[in-house]
Amino acid sequence: QVQLVESGGGLVQAGGSLRLSCAASGSIFSINAMGWYRQAPGKQRELVAAITSGGNTNYADSVKGRFTISRDNAKNTVYLVMNSLKPEDTALYYCRFAGVVRGPGGVAVDYWGQGTQVTVSS
């Protein structure tokens, strides 16, 4: 019902920058929030940043001041600009979508993307 297409991951040297994009499409009635999570090998998945429909943002302490999340409501797309990247930012980054799909009464859904790899070399 909702498809998420992630892009923008890759290999970058420490101190470099990357921009991740996640475009949502399908039978979307409304979006409550979209965000990015990451999971490094051997670690639990953690929130990186999220943004609500009203534009409120939430960041992990480890990325505050370095990462910026934004969204284009017309395109149902969320972006994550990552600056001053560190080797510890290396992980698989997942896009998350929380919203309502079209249908009788509306159905609340929660979707995850397949992930895009970010690797930061020292």
PDB file of N, CA and C in Angstrom:
ATOM      1  N   GLN A   1       0.821  -1.209   0.000  1.00  0.00           N
ATOM      2  CA  GLN A   1       0.000   0.000   0.000  1.00  0.00           C
ATOM      3  C   GLN A   1       0.853   1.256   0.000  1.00  0.00           C
ATOM      4  N   VAL A   2       2.011   1.188   0.636  1.00  0.00           N
ATOM      5  CA  VAL A   2       2.955   2.306   0.630  1.00  0.00           C
ATOM      6  C   VAL A   2       4.322   1.763   0.245  1.00  0.00           C
ATOM      7  N   GLN A   3       4.913   2.408  -0.716  1.00  0.00           N
ATOM      8  CA  GLN A   3       6.255   2.021  -1.130  1.00  0.00           C
ATOM      9  C   GLN A   3       7.233   3.112  -0.694  1.00  0.00           C
ATOM     10  N   LEU A   4       8.365   2.691  -0.196  1.00  0.00           N
ATOM     11  CA  LEU A   4       9.412   3.618   0.226  1.00  0.00           C
ATOM     12  C   LEU A   4      10.654   3.366  -0.620  1.00  0.00           C
ATOM     13  N   VAL A   5      11.152   4.397  -1.252  1.00  0.00           N
ATOM     14  CA  VAL A   5      12.362   4.288  -2.061  1.00  0.00           C
ATOM     15  C   VAL A   5      13.436   5.159  -1.420  1.00  0.00           C
ATOM     16  N   GLU A   6      14.469   4.489  -0.936  1.00  0.00           N
ATOM     17  CA  GLU A   6      15.580   5.173  -0.274  1.00  0.00           C
ATOM     18  C   GLU A   6      16.744   5.323  -1.247  1.00  0.00           C
ATOM     19  N   SER A   7      17.485   6.390  -1.084  1.00  0.00           N
ATOM     20  CA  SER A   7      18.677   6.589  -1.907  1.00  0.00           C
ATOM     21  C   SER A   7      19.641   7.506  -1.175  1.00  0.00           C
ATOM     22  N   GLY A   8      20.879   7.517  -1.658  1.00  0.00           N
ATOM     23  CA  GLY A   8      21.853   8.466  -1.146  1.00  0.00           C
ATOM     24  C   GLY A   8      22.944   7.892  -0.280  1.00  0.00           C
ATOM     25  N   GLY A   9      22.872   6.623   0.056  1.00  0.00           N
ATOM     26  CA  GLY A   9      23.935   6.044   0.869  1.00  0.00           C
ATOM     27  C   GLY A   9      25.203   5.882   0.063  1.00  0.00           C
ATOM     28  N   GLY A  10      26.272   5.505   0.755  1.00  0.00           N
ATOM     29  CA  GLY A  10      27.534   5.294   0.060  1.00  0.00           C
ATOM     30  C   GLY A  10      28.706   5.295   1.006  1.00  0.00           C
ATOM     31  N   LEU A  11      29.881   5.365   0.416  1.00  0.00           N
ATOM     32  CA  LEU A  11      31.143   5.375   1.158  1.00  0.00           C
ATOM     33  C   LEU A  11      31.705   6.780   1.157  1.00  0.00           C
ATOM     34  N   VAL A  12      32.073   7.266   2.332  1.00  0.00           N
ATOM     35  CA  VAL A  12      32.604   8.616   2.451  1.00  0.00           C
ATOM     36  C   VAL A  12      33.685   8.631   3.522  1.00  0.00           C
ATOM     37  N   GLN A  13      34.623   9.533   3.382  1.00  0.00           N
ATOM     38  CA  GLN A  13      35.666   9.660   4.396  1.00  0.00           C
ATOM     39  C   GLN A  13      35.139  10.434   5.600  1.00  0.00           C
ATOM     40  N   ALA A  14      35.759  10.195   6.724  1.00  0.00           N
ATOM     41  CA  ALA A  14      35.386  10.927   7.931  1.00  0.00           C
ATOM     42  C   ALA A  14      35.472  12.431   7.674  1.00  0.00           C
ATOM     43  N   GLY A  15      34.468  13.138   8.166  1.00  0.00           N
ATOM     44  CA  GLY A  15      34.390  14.564   7.942  1.00  0.00           C
ATOM     45  C   GLY A  15      33.563  14.936   6.723  1.00  0.00           C
ATOM     46  N   GLY A  16      33.240  13.963   5.925  1.00  0.00           N
ATOM     47  CA  GLY A  16      32.477  14.201   4.712  1.00  0.00           C
ATOM     48  C   GLY A  16      30.983  14.292   4.964  1.00  0.00           C
ATOM     49  N   SER A  17      30.247  14.397   3.869  1.00  0.00           N
ATOM     50  CA  SER A  17      28.796  14.576   3.947  1.00  0.00           C
ATOM     51  C   SER A  17      28.075  13.643   2.984  1.00  0.00           C
ATOM     52  N   LEU A  18      26.861  13.333   3.334  1.00  0.00           N
ATOM     53  CA  LEU A  18      25.961  12.570   2.477  1.00  0.00           C
ATOM     54  C   LEU A  18      24.544  13.099   2.678  1.00  0.00           C
ATOM     55  N   ARG A  19      23.709  12.893   1.666  1.00  0.00           N
ATOM     56  CA  ARG A  19      22.297  13.227   1.800  1.00  0.00           C
ATOM     57  C   ARG A  19      21.469  12.002   1.439  1.00  0.00           C
ATOM     58  N   LEU A  20      20.652  11.575   2.381  1.00  0.00           N
ATOM     59  CA  LEU A  20      19.748  10.462   2.142  1.00  0.00           C
ATOM     60  C   LEU A  20      18.369  11.001   1.770  1.00  0.00           C
ATOM     61  N   SER A  21      17.697  10.261   0.887  1.00  0.00           N
ATOM     62  CA  SER A  21      16.333  10.614   0.504  1.00  0.00           C
ATOM     63  C   SER A  21      15.443   9.397   0.655  1.00  0.00           C
ATOM     64  N   CYS A  22      14.199   9.636   1.010  1.00  0.00           N
ATOM     65  CA  CYS A  22      13.210   8.564   1.105  1.00  0.00           C
ATOM     66  C   CYS A  22      11.898   9.095   0.560  1.00  0.00           C
ATOM     67  N   ALA A  23      11.463   8.518  -0.545  1.00  0.00           N
ATOM     68  CA  ALA A  23      10.224   8.943  -1.181  1.00  0.00           C
ATOM     69  C   ALA A  23       9.143   7.902  -0.931  1.00  0.00           C
ATOM     70  N   ALA A  24       8.013   8.364  -0.439  1.00  0.00           N
ATOM     71  CA  ALA A  24       6.880   7.482  -0.173  1.00  0.00           C
ATOM     72  C   ALA A  24       5.831   7.650  -1.263  1.00  0.00           C
ATOM     73  N   SER A  25       5.279   6.532  -1.691  1.00  0.00           N
ATOM     74  CA  SER A  25       4.233   6.579  -2.706  1.00  0.00           C
ATOM     75  C   SER A  25       3.218   5.472  -2.427  1.00  0.00           C
ATOM     76  N   GLY A  26       2.072   5.583  -3.098  1.00  0.00           N
ATOM     77  CA  GLY A  26       1.036   4.578  -2.911  1.00  0.00           C
ATOM     78  C   GLY A  26      -0.255   5.218  -2.453  1.00  0.00           C
ATOM     79  N   SER A  27      -1.034   4.455  -1.742  1.00  0.00           N
ATOM     80  CA  SER A  27      -2.357   4.914  -1.318  1.00  0.00           C
ATOM     81  C   SER A  27      -2.283   5.704  -0.012  1.00  0.00           C
ATOM     82  N   ILE A  28      -1.558   6.807  -0.087  1.00  0.00           N
ATOM     83  CA  ILE A  28      -1.337   7.608   1.109  1.00  0.00           C
ATOM     84  C   ILE A  28      -2.455   8.620   1.292  1.00  0.00           C
ATOM     85  N   PHE A  29      -3.080   8.582   2.450  1.00  0.00           N
ATOM     86  CA  PHE A  29      -4.077   9.597   2.788  1.00  0.00           C
ATOM     87  C   PHE A  29      -3.433  10.727   3.574  1.00  0.00           C
ATOM     88  N   SER A  30      -2.624  10.366   4.529  1.00  0.00           N
ATOM     89  CA  SER A  30      -1.918  11.376   5.310  1.00  0.00           C
ATOM     90  C   SER A  30      -0.654  10.763   5.911  1.00  0.00           C
ATOM     91  N   ILE A  31       0.281  11.628   6.217  1.00  0.00           N
ATOM     92  CA  ILE A  31       1.538  11.202   6.838  1.00  0.00           C
ATOM     93  C   ILE A  31       1.623  11.829   8.227  1.00  0.00           C
ATOM     94  N   ASN A  32       1.813  10.997   9.221  1.00  0.00           N
ATOM     95  CA  ASN A  32       1.981  11.505  10.581  1.00  0.00           C
ATOM     96  C   ASN A  32       3.437  11.893  10.836  1.00  0.00           C
ATOM     97  N   ALA A  33       4.320  11.014  10.445  1.00  0.00           N
ATOM     98  CA  ALA A  33       5.741  11.270  10.665  1.00  0.00           C
ATOM     99  C   ALA A  33       6.562  10.375   9.752  1.00  0.00           C
ATOM    100  N   MET A  34       7.737  10.844   9.426  1.00  0.00           N
ATOM    101  CA  MET A  34       8.724  10.044   8.714  1.00  0.00           C
ATOM    102  C   MET A  34      10.047  10.243   9.417  1.00  0.00           C
ATOM    103  N   GLY A  35      10.883   9.236   9.302  1.00  0.00           N
ATOM    104  CA  GLY A  35      12.156   9.358   9.994  1.00  0.00           C
ATOM    105  C   GLY A  35      13.181   8.390   9.483  1.00  0.00           C
ATOM    106  N   TRP A  36      14.372   8.513  10.052  1.00  0.00           N
ATOM    107  CA  TRP A  36      15.493   7.645   9.713  1.00  0.00           C
ATOM    108  C   TRP A  36      15.981   6.952  10.978  1.00  0.00           C
ATOM    109  N   TYR A  37      16.213   5.681  10.832  1.00  0.00           N
ATOM    110  CA  TYR A  37      16.804   4.869  11.882  1.00  0.00           C
ATOM    111  C   TYR A  37      18.060   4.226  11.303  1.00  0.00           C
ATOM    112  N   ARG A  38      18.909   3.724  12.183  1.00  0.00           N
ATOM    113  CA  ARG A  38      20.104   3.033  11.697  1.00  0.00           C
ATOM    114  C   ARG A  38      20.413   1.842  12.579  1.00  0.00           C
ATOM    115  N   GLN A  39      21.088   0.898  11.950  1.00  0.00           N
ATOM    116  CA  GLN A  39      21.503  -0.297  12.673  1.00  0.00           C
ATOM    117  C   GLN A  39      22.896  -0.695  12.230  1.00  0.00           C
ATOM    118  N   ALA A  40      23.798  -0.685  13.173  1.00  0.00           N
ATOM    119  CA  ALA A  40      25.168  -1.121  12.920  1.00  0.00           C
ATOM    120  C   ALA A  40      25.278  -2.599  13.278  1.00  0.00           C
ATOM    121  N   PRO A  41      26.258  -3.286  12.710  1.00  0.00           N
ATOM    122  CA  PRO A  41      26.409  -4.711  13.010  1.00  0.00           C
ATOM    123  C   PRO A  41      26.550  -4.971  14.502  1.00  0.00           C
ATOM    124  N   GLY A  42      25.754  -5.897  15.000  1.00  0.00           N
ATOM    125  CA  GLY A  42      25.822  -6.251  16.402  1.00  0.00           C
ATOM    126  C   GLY A  42      25.121  -5.302  17.346  1.00  0.00           C
ATOM    127  N   LYS A  43      24.468  -4.296  16.783  1.00  0.00           N
ATOM    128  CA  LYS A  43      23.777  -3.310  17.631  1.00  0.00           C
ATOM    129  C   LYS A  43      22.298  -3.264  17.296  1.00  0.00           C
ATOM    130  N   GLN A  44      21.532  -2.686  18.212  1.00  0.00           N
ATOM    131  CA  GLN A  44      20.107  -2.538  17.977  1.00  0.00           C
ATOM    132  C   GLN A  44      19.827  -1.363  17.053  1.00  0.00           C
ATOM    133  N   ARG A  45      18.704  -1.431  16.381  1.00  0.00           N
ATOM    134  CA  ARG A  45      18.283  -0.317  15.545  1.00  0.00           C
ATOM    135  C   ARG A  45      17.948   0.872  16.440  1.00  0.00           C
ATOM    136  N   GLU A  46      18.386   2.048  16.014  1.00  0.00           N
ATOM    137  CA  GLU A  46      18.160   3.245  16.822  1.00  0.00           C
ATOM    138  C   GLU A  46      17.640   4.389  15.967  1.00  0.00           C
ATOM    139  N   LEU A  47      16.899   5.264  16.612  1.00  0.00           N
ATOM    140  CA  LEU A  47      16.413   6.459  15.944  1.00  0.00           C
ATOM    141  C   LEU A  47      17.584   7.392  15.645  1.00  0.00           C
ATOM    142  N   VAL A  48      17.597   7.905  14.432  1.00  0.00           N
ATOM    143  CA  VAL A  48      18.567   8.938  14.061  1.00  0.00           C
ATOM    144  C   VAL A  48      17.883  10.301  14.088  1.00  0.00           C
ATOM    145  N   ALA A  49      16.785  10.407  13.342  1.00  0.00           N
ATOM    146  CA  ALA A  49      16.042  11.660  13.284  1.00  0.00           C
ATOM    147  C   ALA A  49      14.654  11.383  12.745  1.00  0.00           C
ATOM    148  N   ALA A  50      13.693  12.196  13.187  1.00  0.00           N
ATOM    149  CA  ALA A  50      12.328  12.052  12.708  1.00  0.00           C
ATOM    150  C   ALA A  50      11.698  13.423  12.591  1.00  0.00           C
ATOM    151  N   ILE A  51      10.683  13.510  11.730  1.00  0.00           N
ATOM    152  CA  ILE A  51       9.994  14.767  11.520  1.00  0.00           C
ATOM    153  C   ILE A  51       8.509  14.490  11.387  1.00  0.00           C
ATOM    154  N   THR A  52       7.696  15.289  12.081  1.00  0.00           N
ATOM    155  CA  THR A  52       6.255  15.101  12.035  1.00  0.00           C
ATOM    156  C   THR A  52       5.642  15.911  10.892  1.00  0.00           C
ATOM    157  N   SER A  53       4.370  15.695  10.693  1.00  0.00           N
ATOM    158  CA  SER A  53       3.673  16.430   9.643  1.00  0.00           C
ATOM    159  C   SER A  53       3.681  17.926   9.925  1.00  0.00           C
ATOM    160  N   GLY A  54       3.763  18.280  11.181  1.00  0.00           N
ATOM    161  CA  GLY A  54       3.795  19.685  11.546  1.00  0.00           C
ATOM    162  C   GLY A  54       5.175  20.290  11.509  1.00  0.00           C
ATOM    163  N   GLY A  55       6.159  19.459  11.193  1.00  0.00           N
ATOM    164  CA  GLY A  55       7.517  19.973  11.078  1.00  0.00           C
ATOM    165  C   GLY A  55       8.351  19.856  12.333  1.00  0.00           C
ATOM    166  N   ASN A  56       7.800  19.258  13.371  1.00  0.00           N
ATOM    167  CA  ASN A  56       8.589  19.053  14.587  1.00  0.00           C
ATOM    168  C   ASN A  56       9.631  17.978  14.341  1.00  0.00           C
ATOM    169  N   THR A  57      10.822  18.203  14.836  1.00  0.00           N
ATOM    170  CA  THR A  57      11.921  17.262  14.605  1.00  0.00           C
ATOM    171  C   THR A  57      12.446  16.701  15.920  1.00  0.00           C
ATOM    172  N   ASN A  58      13.052  15.539  15.806  1.00  0.00           N
ATOM    173  CA  ASN A  58      13.640  14.868  16.953  1.00  0.00           C
ATOM    174  C   ASN A  58      14.928  14.209  16.472  1.00  0.00           C
ATOM    175  N   TYR A  59      16.012  14.397  17.210  1.00  0.00           N
ATOM    176  CA  TYR A  59      17.310  13.857  16.806  1.00  0.00           C
ATOM    177  C   TYR A  59      17.928  13.036  17.939  1.00  0.00           C
ATOM    178  N   ALA A  60      18.684  12.040  17.550  1.00  0.00           N
ATOM    179  CA  ALA A  60      19.515  11.342  18.528  1.00  0.00           C
ATOM    180  C   ALA A  60      20.600  12.306  18.999  1.00  0.00           C
ATOM    181  N   ASP A  61      20.961  12.207  20.259  1.00  0.00           N
ATOM    182  CA  ASP A  61      21.985  13.109  20.791  1.00  0.00           C
ATOM    183  C   ASP A  61      23.286  13.013  20.000  1.00  0.00           C
ATOM    184  N   SER A  62      23.585  11.825  19.509  1.00  0.00           N
ATOM    185  CA  SER A  62      24.864  11.608  18.829  1.00  0.00           C
ATOM    186  C   SER A  62      24.961  12.318  17.483  1.00  0.00           C
ATOM    187  N   VAL A  63      23.836  12.771  16.944  1.00  0.00           N
ATOM    188  CA  VAL A  63      23.872  13.411  15.624  1.00  0.00           C
ATOM    189  C   VAL A  63      23.452  14.883  15.663  1.00  0.00           C
ATOM    190  N   LYS A  64      23.033  15.348  16.825  1.00  0.00           N
ATOM    191  CA  LYS A  64      22.600  16.741  16.926  1.00  0.00           C
ATOM    192  C   LYS A  64      23.729  17.675  16.514  1.00  0.00           C
ATOM    193  N   GLY A  65      23.383  18.653  15.700  1.00  0.00           N
ATOM    194  CA  GLY A  65      24.369  19.606  15.223  1.00  0.00           C
ATOM    195  C   GLY A  65      25.097  19.163  13.969  1.00  0.00           C
ATOM    196  N   ARG A  66      24.952  17.899  13.613  1.00  0.00           N
ATOM    197  CA  ARG A  66      25.625  17.377  12.413  1.00  0.00           C
ATOM    198  C   ARG A  66      24.632  16.954  11.336  1.00  0.00           C
ATOM    199  N   PHE A  67      23.502  16.402  11.757  1.00  0.00           N
ATOM    200  CA  PHE A  67      22.505  15.912  10.809  1.00  0.00           C
ATOM    201  C   PHE A  67      21.284  16.835  10.813  1.00  0.00           C
ATOM    202  N   THR A  68      20.650  16.950   9.653  1.00  0.00           N
ATOM    203  CA  THR A  68      19.433  17.744   9.540  1.00  0.00           C
ATOM    204  C   THR A  68      18.394  16.966   8.742  1.00  0.00           C
ATOM    205  N   ILE A  69      17.220  16.838   9.326  1.00  0.00           N
ATOM    206  CA  ILE A  69      16.122  16.168   8.635  1.00  0.00           C
ATOM    207  C   ILE A  69      15.144  17.215   8.120  1.00  0.00           C
ATOM    208  N   SER A  70      14.616  16.968   6.942  1.00  0.00           N
ATOM    209  CA  SER A  70      13.624  17.871   6.364  1.00  0.00           C
ATOM    210  C   SER A  70      12.676  17.054   5.503  1.00  0.00           C
ATOM    211  N   ARG A  71      11.574  17.679   5.099  1.00  0.00           N
ATOM    212  CA  ARG A  71      10.625  16.957   4.261  1.00  0.00           C
ATOM    213  C   ARG A  71      10.013  17.880   3.229  1.00  0.00           C
ATOM    214  N   ASP A  72       9.649  17.261   2.113  1.00  0.00           N
ATOM    215  CA  ASP A  72       8.932  17.944   1.045  1.00  0.00           C
ATOM    216  C   ASP A  72       7.546  17.311   1.017  1.00  0.00           C
ATOM    217  N   ASN A  73       6.584  18.010   1.570  1.00  0.00           N
ATOM    218  CA  ASN A  73       5.248  17.434   1.685  1.00  0.00           C
ATOM    219  C   ASN A  73       4.619  17.160   0.326  1.00  0.00           C
ATOM    220  N   ALA A  74       4.904  17.986  -0.641  1.00  0.00           N
ATOM    221  CA  ALA A  74       4.321  17.810  -1.973  1.00  0.00           C
ATOM    222  C   ALA A  74       4.824  16.528  -2.633  1.00  0.00           C
ATOM    223  N   LYS A  75       6.030  16.129  -2.273  1.00  0.00           N
ATOM    224  CA  LYS A  75       6.633  14.937  -2.870  1.00  0.00           C
ATOM    225  C   LYS A  75       6.611  13.736  -1.929  1.00  0.00           C
ATOM    226  N   ASN A  76       6.047  13.912  -0.743  1.00  0.00           N
ATOM    227  CA  ASN A  76       6.044  12.835   0.268  1.00  0.00           C
ATOM    228  C   ASN A  76       7.453  12.280   0.459  1.00  0.00           C
ATOM    229  N   THR A  77       8.395  13.159   0.541  1.00  0.00           N
ATOM    230  CA  THR A  77       9.812  12.777   0.614  1.00  0.00           C
ATOM    231  C   THR A  77      10.460  13.396   1.845  1.00  0.00           C
ATOM    232  N   VAL A  78      11.298  12.591   2.483  1.00  0.00           N
ATOM    233  CA  VAL A  78      12.062  13.074   3.626  1.00  0.00           C
ATOM    234  C   VAL A  78      13.546  12.968   3.286  1.00  0.00           C
ATOM    235  N   TYR A  79      14.289  13.945   3.761  1.00  0.00           N
ATOM    236  CA  TYR A  79      15.719  14.014   3.488  1.00  0.00           C
ATOM    237  C   TYR A  79      16.495  14.014   4.805  1.00  0.00           C
ATOM    238  N   LEU A  80      17.691  13.474   4.738  1.00  0.00           N
ATOM    239  CA  LEU A  80      18.587  13.540   5.880  1.00  0.00           C
ATOM    240  C   LEU A  80      19.952  13.987   5.372  1.00  0.00           C
ATOM    241  N   VAL A  81      20.333  15.194   5.717  1.00  0.00           N
ATOM    242  CA  VAL A  81      21.649  15.701   5.372  1.00  0.00           C
ATOM    243  C   VAL A  81      22.580  15.396   6.535  1.00  0.00           C
ATOM    244  N   MET A  82      23.636  14.684   6.213  1.00  0.00           N
ATOM    245  CA  MET A  82      24.580  14.239   7.247  1.00  0.00           C
ATOM    246  C   MET A  82      25.923  14.899   6.985  1.00  0.00           C
ATOM    247  N   ASN A  83      26.331  15.755   7.885  1.00  0.00           N
ATOM    248  CA  ASN A  83      27.618  16.437   7.796  1.00  0.00           C
ATOM    249  C   ASN A  83      28.568  15.944   8.880  1.00  0.00           C
ATOM    250  N   SER A  84      29.836  16.240   8.690  1.00  0.00           N
ATOM    251  CA  SER A  84      30.851  15.861   9.677  1.00  0.00           C
ATOM    252  C   SER A  84      30.726  14.402  10.087  1.00  0.00           C
ATOM    253  N   LEU A  85      30.606  13.556   9.103  1.00  0.00           N
ATOM    254  CA  LEU A  85      30.394  12.143   9.371  1.00  0.00           C
ATOM    255  C   LEU A  85      31.592  11.521  10.079  1.00  0.00           C
ATOM    256  N   LYS A  86      31.265  10.575  10.962  1.00  0.00           N
ATOM    257  CA  LYS A  86      32.269   9.876  11.755  1.00  0.00           C
ATOM    258  C   LYS A  86      32.202   8.378  11.452  1.00  0.00           C
ATOM    259  N   PRO A  87      33.284   7.668  11.676  1.00  0.00           N
ATOM    260  CA  PRO A  87      33.242   6.206  11.457  1.00  0.00           C
ATOM    261  C   PRO A  87      32.111   5.535  12.245  1.00  0.00           C
ATOM    262  N   GLU A  88      31.785   6.064  13.407  1.00  0.00           N
ATOM    263  CA  GLU A  88      30.709   5.461  14.204  1.00  0.00           C
ATOM    264  C   GLU A  88      29.321   5.704  13.627  1.00  0.00           C
ATOM    265  N   ASP A  89      29.229   6.502  12.581  1.00  0.00           N
ATOM    266  CA  ASP A  89      27.962   6.677  11.875  1.00  0.00           C
ATOM    267  C   ASP A  89      27.717   5.561  10.864  1.00  0.00           C
ATOM    268  N   THR A  90      28.701   4.716  10.671  1.00  0.00           N
ATOM    269  CA  THR A  90      28.576   3.606   9.730  1.00  0.00           C
ATOM    270  C   THR A  90      27.458   2.673  10.171  1.00  0.00           C
ATOM    271  N   ALA A  91      26.513   2.444   9.273  1.00  0.00           N
ATOM    272  CA  ALA A  91      25.357   1.603   9.595  1.00  0.00           C
ATOM    273  C   ALA A  91      24.470   1.471   8.371  1.00  0.00           C
ATOM    274  N   LEU A  92      23.490   0.607   8.495  1.00  0.00           N
ATOM    275  CA  LEU A  92      22.426   0.525   7.510  1.00  0.00           C
ATOM    276  C   LEU A  92      21.338   1.478   7.968  1.00  0.00           C
ATOM    277  N   TYR A  93      20.990   2.425   7.131  1.00  0.00           N
ATOM    278  CA  TYR A  93      20.017   3.450   7.477  1.00  0.00           C
ATOM    279  C   TYR A  93      18.660   3.104   6.869  1.00  0.00           C
ATOM    280  N   TYR A  94      17.648   3.101   7.727  1.00  0.00           N
ATOM    281  CA  TYR A  94      16.304   2.738   7.309  1.00  0.00           C
ATOM    282  C   TYR A  94      15.368   3.933   7.392  1.00  0.00           C
ATOM    283  N   CYS A  95      14.533   4.064   6.396  1.00  0.00           N
ATOM    284  CA  CYS A  95      13.474   5.054   6.404  1.00  0.00           C
ATOM    285  C   CYS A  95      12.229   4.432   7.038  1.00  0.00           C
ATOM    286  N   ARG A  96      11.524   5.237   7.808  1.00  0.00           N
ATOM    287  CA  ARG A  96      10.281   4.776   8.432  1.00  0.00           C
ATOM    288  C   ARG A  96       9.153   5.739   8.118  1.00  0.00           C
ATOM    289  N   PHE A  97       7.996   5.178   7.809  1.00  0.00           N
ATOM    290  CA  PHE A  97       6.805   5.941   7.452  1.00  0.00           C
ATOM    291  C   PHE A  97       5.679   5.584   8.400  1.00  0.00           C
ATOM    292  N   ALA A  98       5.055   6.584   8.985  1.00  0.00           N
ATOM    293  CA  ALA A  98       3.887   6.367   9.827  1.00  0.00           C
ATOM    294  C   ALA A  98       2.776   7.280   9.333  1.00  0.00           C
ATOM    295  N   GLY A  99       1.662   6.698   8.933  1.00  0.00           N
ATOM    296  CA  GLY A  99       0.579   7.507   8.415  1.00  0.00           C
ATOM    297  C   GLY A  99      -0.693   6.718   8.252  1.00  0.00           C
ATOM    298  N   VAL A 100      -1.546   7.228   7.406  1.00  0.00           N
ATOM    299  CA  VAL A 100      -2.854   6.622   7.147  1.00  0.00           C
ATOM    300  C   VAL A 100      -2.983   6.395   5.647  1.00  0.00           C
ATOM    301  N   VAL A 101      -3.440   5.219   5.278  1.00  0.00           N
ATOM    302  CA  VAL A 101      -3.655   4.915   3.864  1.00  0.00           C
ATOM    303  C   VAL A 101      -5.135   5.061   3.536  1.00  0.00           C
ATOM    304  N   ARG A 102      -5.398   5.246   2.263  1.00  0.00           N
ATOM    305  CA  ARG A 102      -6.772   5.428   1.806  1.00  0.00           C
ATOM    306  C   ARG A 102      -7.547   4.129   1.972  1.00  0.00           C
ATOM    307  N   GLY A 103      -8.799   4.266   2.352  1.00  0.00           N
ATOM    308  CA  GLY A 103      -9.662   3.106   2.534  1.00  0.00           C
ATOM    309  C   GLY A 103     -10.782   3.451   3.488  1.00  0.00           C
ATOM    310  N   PRO A 104     -11.762   2.550   3.603  1.00  0.00           N
ATOM    311  CA  PRO A 104     -12.898   2.808   4.499  1.00  0.00           C
ATOM    312  C   PRO A 104     -12.422   3.093   5.915  1.00  0.00           C
ATOM    313  N   GLY A 105     -12.703   4.286   6.388  1.00  0.00           N
ATOM    314  CA  GLY A 105     -12.305   4.645   7.747  1.00  0.00           C
ATOM    315  C   GLY A 105     -10.855   4.969   7.923  1.00  0.00           C
ATOM    316  N   GLY A 106     -10.069   4.739   6.896  1.00  0.00           N
ATOM    317  CA  GLY A 106      -8.630   4.986   7.000  1.00  0.00           C
ATOM    318  C   GLY A 106      -7.948   3.925   7.842  1.00  0.00           C
ATOM    319  N   VAL A 107      -6.755   3.542   7.452  1.00  0.00           N
ATOM    320  CA  VAL A 107      -6.013   2.519   8.181  1.00  0.00           C
ATOM    321  C   VAL A 107      -4.648   3.085   8.525  1.00  0.00           C
ATOM    322  N   ALA A 108      -4.330   3.070   9.799  1.00  0.00           N
ATOM    323  CA  ALA A 108      -3.016   3.536  10.227  1.00  0.00           C
ATOM    324  C   ALA A 108      -1.972   2.475   9.891  1.00  0.00           C
ATOM    325  N   VAL A 109      -0.860   2.912   9.311  1.00  0.00           N
ATOM    326  CA  VAL A 109       0.175   1.981   8.902  1.00  0.00           C
ATOM    327  C   VAL A 109       1.544   2.477   9.352  1.00  0.00           C
ATOM    328  N   ASP A 110       2.458   1.533   9.368  1.00  0.00           N
ATOM    329  CA  ASP A 110       3.834   1.820   9.771  1.00  0.00           C
ATOM    330  C   ASP A 110       4.722   0.983   8.856  1.00  0.00           C
ATOM    331  N   TYR A 111       5.459   1.654   7.985  1.00  0.00           N
ATOM    332  CA  TYR A 111       6.289   0.949   7.012  1.00  0.00           C
ATOM    333  C   TYR A 111       7.765   1.283   7.212  1.00  0.00           C
ATOM    334  N   TRP A 112       8.595   0.288   6.850  1.00  0.00           N
ATOM    335  CA  TRP A 112      10.040   0.475   6.855  1.00  0.00           C
ATOM    336  C   TRP A 112      10.587   0.284   5.451  1.00  0.00           C
ATOM    337  N   GLY A 113      11.587   1.075   5.101  1.00  0.00           N
ATOM    338  CA  GLY A 113      12.286   0.852   3.859  1.00  0.00           C
ATOM    339  C   GLY A 113      13.256  -0.305   3.989  1.00  0.00           C
ATOM    340  N   GLN A 114      13.915  -0.639   2.896  1.00  0.00           N
ATOM    341  CA  GLN A 114      14.832  -1.774   2.894  1.00  0.00           C
ATOM    342  C   GLN A 114      16.217  -1.403   3.408  1.00  0.00           C
ATOM    343  N   GLY A 115      16.481  -0.132   3.503  1.00  0.00           N
ATOM    344  CA  GLY A 115      17.759   0.308   4.060  1.00  0.00           C
ATOM    345  C   GLY A 115      18.761   0.710   2.996  1.00  0.00           C
ATOM    346  N   THR A 116      19.577   1.676   3.347  1.00  0.00           N
ATOM    347  CA  THR A 116      20.670   2.105   2.483  1.00  0.00           C
ATOM    348  C   THR A 116      21.936   2.191   3.332  1.00  0.00           C
ATOM    349  N   GLN A 117      23.011   1.638   2.806  1.00  0.00           N
ATOM    350  CA  GLN A 117      24.245   1.526   3.581  1.00  0.00           C
ATOM    351  C   GLN A 117      25.029   2.835   3.578  1.00  0.00           C
ATOM    352  N   VAL A 118      25.440   3.247   4.748  1.00  0.00           N
ATOM    353  CA  VAL A 118      26.345   4.386   4.900  1.00  0.00           C
ATOM    354  C   VAL A 118      27.616   3.869   5.566  1.00  0.00           C
ATOM    355  N   THR A 119      28.736   4.073   4.895  1.00  0.00           N
ATOM    356  CA  THR A 119      30.020   3.639   5.428  1.00  0.00           C
ATOM    357  C   THR A 119      30.959   4.834   5.486  1.00  0.00           C
ATOM    358  N   VAL A 120      31.485   5.089   6.664  1.00  0.00           N
ATOM    359  CA  VAL A 120      32.383   6.216   6.863  1.00  0.00           C
ATOM    360  C   VAL A 120      33.761   5.665   7.214  1.00  0.00           C
ATOM    361  N   SER A 121      34.733   5.969   6.375  1.00  0.00           N
ATOM    362  CA  SER A 121      36.088   5.471   6.602  1.00  0.00           C
ATOM    363  C   SER A 121      36.898   6.486   7.399  1.00  0.00           C
ATOM    364  N   SER A 122      37.816   5.972   8.178  1.00  0.00           N
ATOM    365  CA  SER A 122      38.643   6.865   9.014  1.00  0.00           C
ATOM    366  C   SER A 122      39.898   7.310   8.296  1.00  0.00           C
TER     367      SER A 122
END
